[in-house]
Protein backbone atom coordinates (compact mmCIF):
# COMPACT_ATOMS: atom_id res chain seq x y z
CA MET A 1 120.85 -147.30 40.11
CA ASN A 2 121.31 -148.41 36.54
CA ASP A 3 122.49 -151.87 35.43
CA ASN A 4 126.14 -150.85 35.26
CA GLN A 5 126.03 -149.51 38.80
CA LEU A 6 124.30 -152.64 40.07
CA LEU A 7 127.17 -154.66 38.63
CA ARG A 8 129.95 -152.29 39.75
CA TYR A 9 128.72 -152.18 43.35
CA SER A 10 127.38 -155.74 43.50
CA ARG A 11 129.83 -156.81 46.23
CA HIS A 12 128.53 -153.98 48.42
CA ILE A 13 124.92 -154.79 47.65
CA LEU A 14 125.48 -158.42 48.62
CA LEU A 15 126.26 -157.28 52.17
CA PRO A 16 123.02 -157.20 54.19
CA GLU A 17 124.44 -154.29 56.22
CA VAL A 18 124.73 -152.21 53.03
CA ASP A 19 122.25 -153.58 50.47
CA VAL A 20 120.76 -151.32 47.79
CA GLU A 21 119.68 -148.70 50.31
CA GLY A 22 123.17 -148.23 51.71
CA GLN A 23 124.70 -148.02 48.25
CA GLU A 24 122.12 -145.42 47.26
CA ARG A 25 123.18 -143.36 50.26
CA LEU A 26 126.78 -143.52 49.08
CA LEU A 27 125.80 -142.51 45.56
CA ASN A 28 123.93 -139.48 46.91
CA ALA A 29 126.70 -138.39 49.30
CA ARG A 30 129.10 -135.47 49.09
CA VAL A 31 132.50 -135.71 50.78
CA LEU A 32 135.21 -133.07 51.16
CA ILE A 33 138.75 -134.48 51.25
CA VAL A 34 141.26 -131.93 52.52
CA GLY A 35 144.75 -133.02 51.50
CA LEU A 36 145.65 -135.32 48.63
CA GLY A 37 148.92 -136.64 49.98
CA GLY A 38 149.76 -139.92 51.70
CA LEU A 39 146.44 -140.23 53.55
CA GLY A 40 144.21 -138.47 51.04
CA ALA A 41 145.42 -140.70 48.19
CA PRO A 42 144.00 -144.02 49.47
CA VAL A 43 140.97 -142.26 50.96
CA ALA A 44 140.06 -140.69 47.61
CA MET A 45 140.61 -143.89 45.67
CA TYR A 46 138.54 -146.05 47.99
CA LEU A 47 135.70 -143.54 48.22
CA ALA A 48 135.62 -143.20 44.44
CA ALA A 49 135.70 -146.98 44.01
CA SER A 50 132.96 -147.37 46.64
CA GLY A 51 130.65 -145.10 44.69
CA VAL A 52 130.53 -141.95 46.81
CA GLY A 53 128.63 -139.72 44.42
CA GLU A 54 130.57 -136.47 44.75
CA LEU A 55 134.13 -135.91 45.95
CA TRP A 56 135.39 -132.40 46.66
CA LEU A 57 139.18 -132.47 46.36
CA ALA A 58 141.06 -129.71 48.20
CA ASP A 59 144.82 -129.20 47.99
CA HIS A 60 146.99 -126.23 47.02
CA ASP A 61 150.21 -128.19 46.46
CA GLU A 62 151.86 -129.73 43.39
CA VAL A 63 153.06 -133.31 42.88
CA ASP A 64 156.73 -133.68 43.83
CA LEU A 65 159.00 -136.64 43.12
CA SER A 66 159.42 -137.20 46.87
CA ASN A 67 155.64 -137.70 47.18
CA LEU A 68 155.58 -140.82 45.02
CA GLN A 69 157.03 -143.10 47.70
CA ARG A 70 153.61 -143.11 49.37
CA GLN A 71 151.03 -140.91 47.56
CA ILE A 72 149.67 -143.63 45.30
CA VAL A 73 147.03 -141.53 43.53
CA HIS A 74 149.82 -139.63 41.70
CA THR A 75 152.25 -140.83 39.03
CA THR A 76 155.73 -139.97 37.80
CA GLU A 77 154.28 -138.44 34.65
CA ARG A 78 152.27 -135.98 36.72
CA VAL A 79 155.17 -134.57 38.76
CA GLY A 80 154.79 -130.78 38.75
CA GLU A 81 151.01 -130.87 38.22
CA PRO A 82 148.61 -129.60 40.89
CA LYS A 83 147.72 -132.49 43.18
CA VAL A 84 144.03 -131.80 42.69
CA ARG A 85 144.29 -132.30 38.92
CA SER A 86 146.54 -135.32 39.25
CA ALA A 87 144.18 -137.00 41.70
CA ALA A 88 141.12 -136.12 39.62
CA ALA A 89 142.66 -137.83 36.58
CA ALA A 90 143.24 -141.03 38.55
CA LEU A 91 139.81 -141.02 40.17
CA GLN A 92 137.99 -140.34 36.89
CA ALA A 93 139.79 -143.28 35.31
CA LEU A 94 138.89 -145.48 38.27
CA ASN A 95 135.19 -144.55 38.34
CA PRO A 96 133.83 -142.21 35.64
CA ASP A 97 130.48 -141.93 37.45
CA VAL A 98 131.93 -140.05 40.42
CA ARG A 99 131.48 -136.27 40.24
CA LEU A 100 134.66 -134.43 41.14
CA VAL A 101 134.85 -130.87 42.45
CA PRO A 102 138.46 -129.59 42.32
CA ILE A 103 139.49 -126.96 44.88
CA GLU A 104 143.02 -125.75 44.11
CA GLU A 105 143.40 -123.51 47.12
CA LYS A 106 144.22 -123.55 50.81
CA LEU A 107 140.83 -123.42 52.45
CA SER A 108 140.46 -121.18 55.50
CA GLY A 109 138.04 -118.87 57.25
CA GLU A 110 134.58 -118.37 55.80
CA ALA A 111 135.53 -120.15 52.56
CA LEU A 112 136.31 -123.30 54.53
CA ILE A 113 133.09 -123.10 56.54
CA ALA A 114 131.08 -122.56 53.36
CA ARG A 115 132.59 -125.66 51.73
CA VAL A 116 132.07 -127.79 54.82
CA ARG A 117 128.44 -126.69 55.08
CA GLU A 118 127.74 -128.07 51.60
CA VAL A 119 128.97 -131.63 52.18
CA ASP A 120 127.84 -134.60 54.24
CA LEU A 121 131.24 -135.52 55.66
CA VAL A 122 134.81 -134.20 55.81
CA ILE A 123 138.07 -136.14 55.65
CA ASP A 124 141.06 -134.49 57.31
CA ALA A 125 144.07 -135.90 55.44
CA THR A 126 146.41 -132.99 56.19
CA ASP A 127 149.69 -132.91 58.12
CA ASN A 128 149.42 -129.39 59.47
CA PHE A 129 148.06 -128.68 62.96
CA SER A 130 146.73 -125.19 62.22
CA VAL A 131 144.75 -126.55 59.25
CA ARG A 132 143.43 -129.41 61.36
CA TYR A 133 142.20 -126.98 64.02
CA ALA A 134 140.47 -124.89 61.34
CA ILE A 135 138.81 -127.93 59.78
CA ASN A 136 137.65 -129.08 63.20
CA GLU A 137 136.14 -125.69 64.03
CA ALA A 138 134.29 -125.60 60.71
CA CYS A 139 132.91 -129.11 61.28
CA VAL A 140 131.79 -128.27 64.82
CA ALA A 141 130.13 -125.05 63.64
CA THR A 142 128.20 -126.86 60.90
CA ARG A 143 127.73 -130.16 62.80
CA THR A 144 129.43 -132.07 59.99
CA PRO A 145 131.07 -135.45 60.76
CA LEU A 146 134.86 -135.37 60.53
CA VAL A 147 137.07 -138.41 59.92
CA SER A 148 140.57 -137.62 61.16
CA GLY A 149 143.78 -139.52 60.50
CA ALA A 150 147.48 -138.97 61.02
CA ALA A 151 150.64 -140.95 60.25
CA ILE A 152 154.30 -140.21 60.90
CA ARG A 153 157.44 -142.30 61.15
CA LEU A 154 156.06 -145.76 62.14
CA GLU A 155 152.94 -144.64 64.02
CA GLY A 156 149.42 -143.78 62.95
CA GLN A 157 146.04 -142.91 64.41
CA VAL A 158 142.46 -142.58 63.25
CA THR A 159 139.20 -141.43 64.82
CA VAL A 160 135.85 -139.81 64.08
CA PHE A 161 134.55 -136.54 65.48
CA ASP A 162 130.79 -136.36 65.05
CA SER A 163 129.33 -133.05 66.27
CA ARG A 164 125.81 -134.31 65.59
CA ARG A 165 126.22 -136.33 68.79
CA ASP A 166 126.21 -134.57 72.16
CA ASP A 167 128.71 -137.07 73.60
CA SER A 168 131.27 -136.82 70.80
CA PRO A 169 134.52 -134.93 71.46
CA CYS A 170 136.14 -132.74 68.82
CA TYR A 171 139.75 -132.49 67.66
CA ARG A 172 140.47 -129.66 70.10
CA CYS A 173 139.33 -131.89 72.99
CA LEU A 174 142.19 -134.19 72.04
CA TYR A 175 144.95 -131.75 71.07
CA ASP A 176 145.91 -128.36 72.43
CA VAL A 177 147.06 -125.57 70.11
CA SER A 178 150.61 -125.88 71.49
CA GLU A 179 151.32 -128.93 69.31
CA ASP A 180 154.54 -128.78 67.27
CA GLU A 181 153.86 -127.46 63.76
CA GLN A 182 157.18 -128.88 62.55
CA LEU A 183 156.09 -132.47 63.24
CA ASN A 184 155.34 -133.72 59.72
CA CYS A 185 156.45 -136.36 57.23
CA ALA A 186 158.73 -133.96 55.36
CA SER A 187 160.89 -133.46 58.43
CA SER A 188 160.39 -136.76 60.28
CA GLY A 189 159.76 -139.37 57.57
CA VAL A 190 157.05 -142.01 57.27
CA LEU A 191 156.91 -145.65 56.14
CA ALA A 192 155.01 -145.84 52.86
CA PRO A 193 152.43 -148.59 53.61
CA LEU A 194 151.57 -146.97 56.95
CA VAL A 195 149.69 -144.11 55.30
CA GLY A 196 147.81 -146.72 53.26
CA VAL A 197 146.72 -148.48 56.45
CA ILE A 198 145.50 -145.29 58.12
CA GLY A 199 143.99 -143.83 54.92
CA SER A 200 142.10 -147.06 54.31
CA MET A 201 140.72 -146.92 57.85
CA GLN A 202 139.58 -143.34 57.23
CA ALA A 203 137.82 -144.46 54.05
CA LEU A 204 136.20 -147.33 55.95
CA GLU A 205 134.86 -145.02 58.65
CA ALA A 206 133.56 -142.61 56.00
CA VAL A 207 131.73 -145.37 54.13
CA LYS A 208 130.23 -146.68 57.38
CA LEU A 209 128.96 -143.24 58.37
CA LEU A 210 127.53 -142.46 54.94
CA ALA A 211 125.90 -145.86 54.39
CA GLY A 212 124.68 -146.22 57.97
CA VAL A 213 126.72 -149.34 58.70
CA GLY A 214 128.00 -150.49 62.09
CA THR A 215 129.41 -148.30 64.85
CA SER A 216 131.73 -145.39 64.10
CA LEU A 217 134.93 -144.49 65.93
CA ALA A 218 133.30 -141.42 67.50
CA GLY A 219 134.58 -141.27 71.07
CA ARG A 220 137.38 -143.75 70.36
CA LEU A 221 140.92 -143.25 69.09
CA LEU A 222 142.76 -146.10 67.35
CA LEU A 223 146.56 -146.01 67.58
CA PHE A 224 148.64 -148.19 65.25
CA ASP A 225 152.26 -149.21 65.86
CA ALA A 226 153.75 -150.36 62.56
CA THR A 227 156.84 -151.82 64.23
CA THR A 228 154.72 -154.50 65.91
CA SER A 229 151.58 -154.26 63.71
CA GLN A 230 149.47 -153.78 66.83
CA TRP A 231 146.41 -151.59 67.40
CA ARG A 232 145.52 -149.89 70.66
CA GLU A 233 142.17 -148.24 71.45
CA LEU A 234 141.69 -145.24 73.74
CA LYS A 235 138.41 -143.78 74.91
CA LEU A 236 138.00 -140.10 74.04
CA PRO A 237 135.69 -138.21 76.40
CA ARG A 238 134.41 -134.79 75.43
CA ASP A 239 136.09 -131.93 77.27
CA PRO A 240 133.29 -129.92 78.94
CA ASP A 241 135.58 -126.87 78.90
CA CYS A 242 136.69 -127.25 75.27
CA PRO A 243 136.91 -123.76 73.70
CA VAL A 244 135.53 -125.11 70.42
CA CYS A 245 132.74 -127.60 71.07
CA SER A 246 131.55 -126.89 74.64
CA SER A 247 129.38 -124.00 73.49
CA VAL A 248 127.45 -126.07 70.92
CA HIS A 249 126.48 -128.95 73.24
């Protein structure tokens, strides 16, 4: 680390759990963020600010006026721009040292697996079940940690699926493929700060995993009720008959 980095990340370095070694791990890390909407916006900003060395930004959508109620990485001036470019502009301004890899496409199949294989961690910030299943399968196949979050209406959830651990479930252990594809923010609505709460928790879990701090949410699901501001924790056992992860454990 140079002098500027020592100053920029000094509040991290002061933490004995992080120290210089943990910050170096962050600086050397690669993270793929799939989705730069309500969840991906705070995730990307906090990971860039925290000094994650390389962020791969994947989204095939453009900034729409209706996004700005909650997608804080975008601005009114960038309505109509690809979300990847809009987010990259904000992140570069926030931390010029972070290397950004824009991916202006909908990742799937072998292309998705190839991208996942090249990073240290994946953030699922999408609101589409079929994409979530595909991301999960790619992470299980490559044994790449996956930080998953979701938020809709006044409810949110966050967890970690870590296929490096034999006891960790995967996304398919939790959700069957019969989930309703129409259940998303565009059709059901979402309270703006809620995605910030869940996205920030995703960023926190990512930083912990990358820096080697504390205990991750692997095997645990946190549920947040915004109407009462209460959290609930559920244990997530691995499904021994899971069609995705049972064959790799």
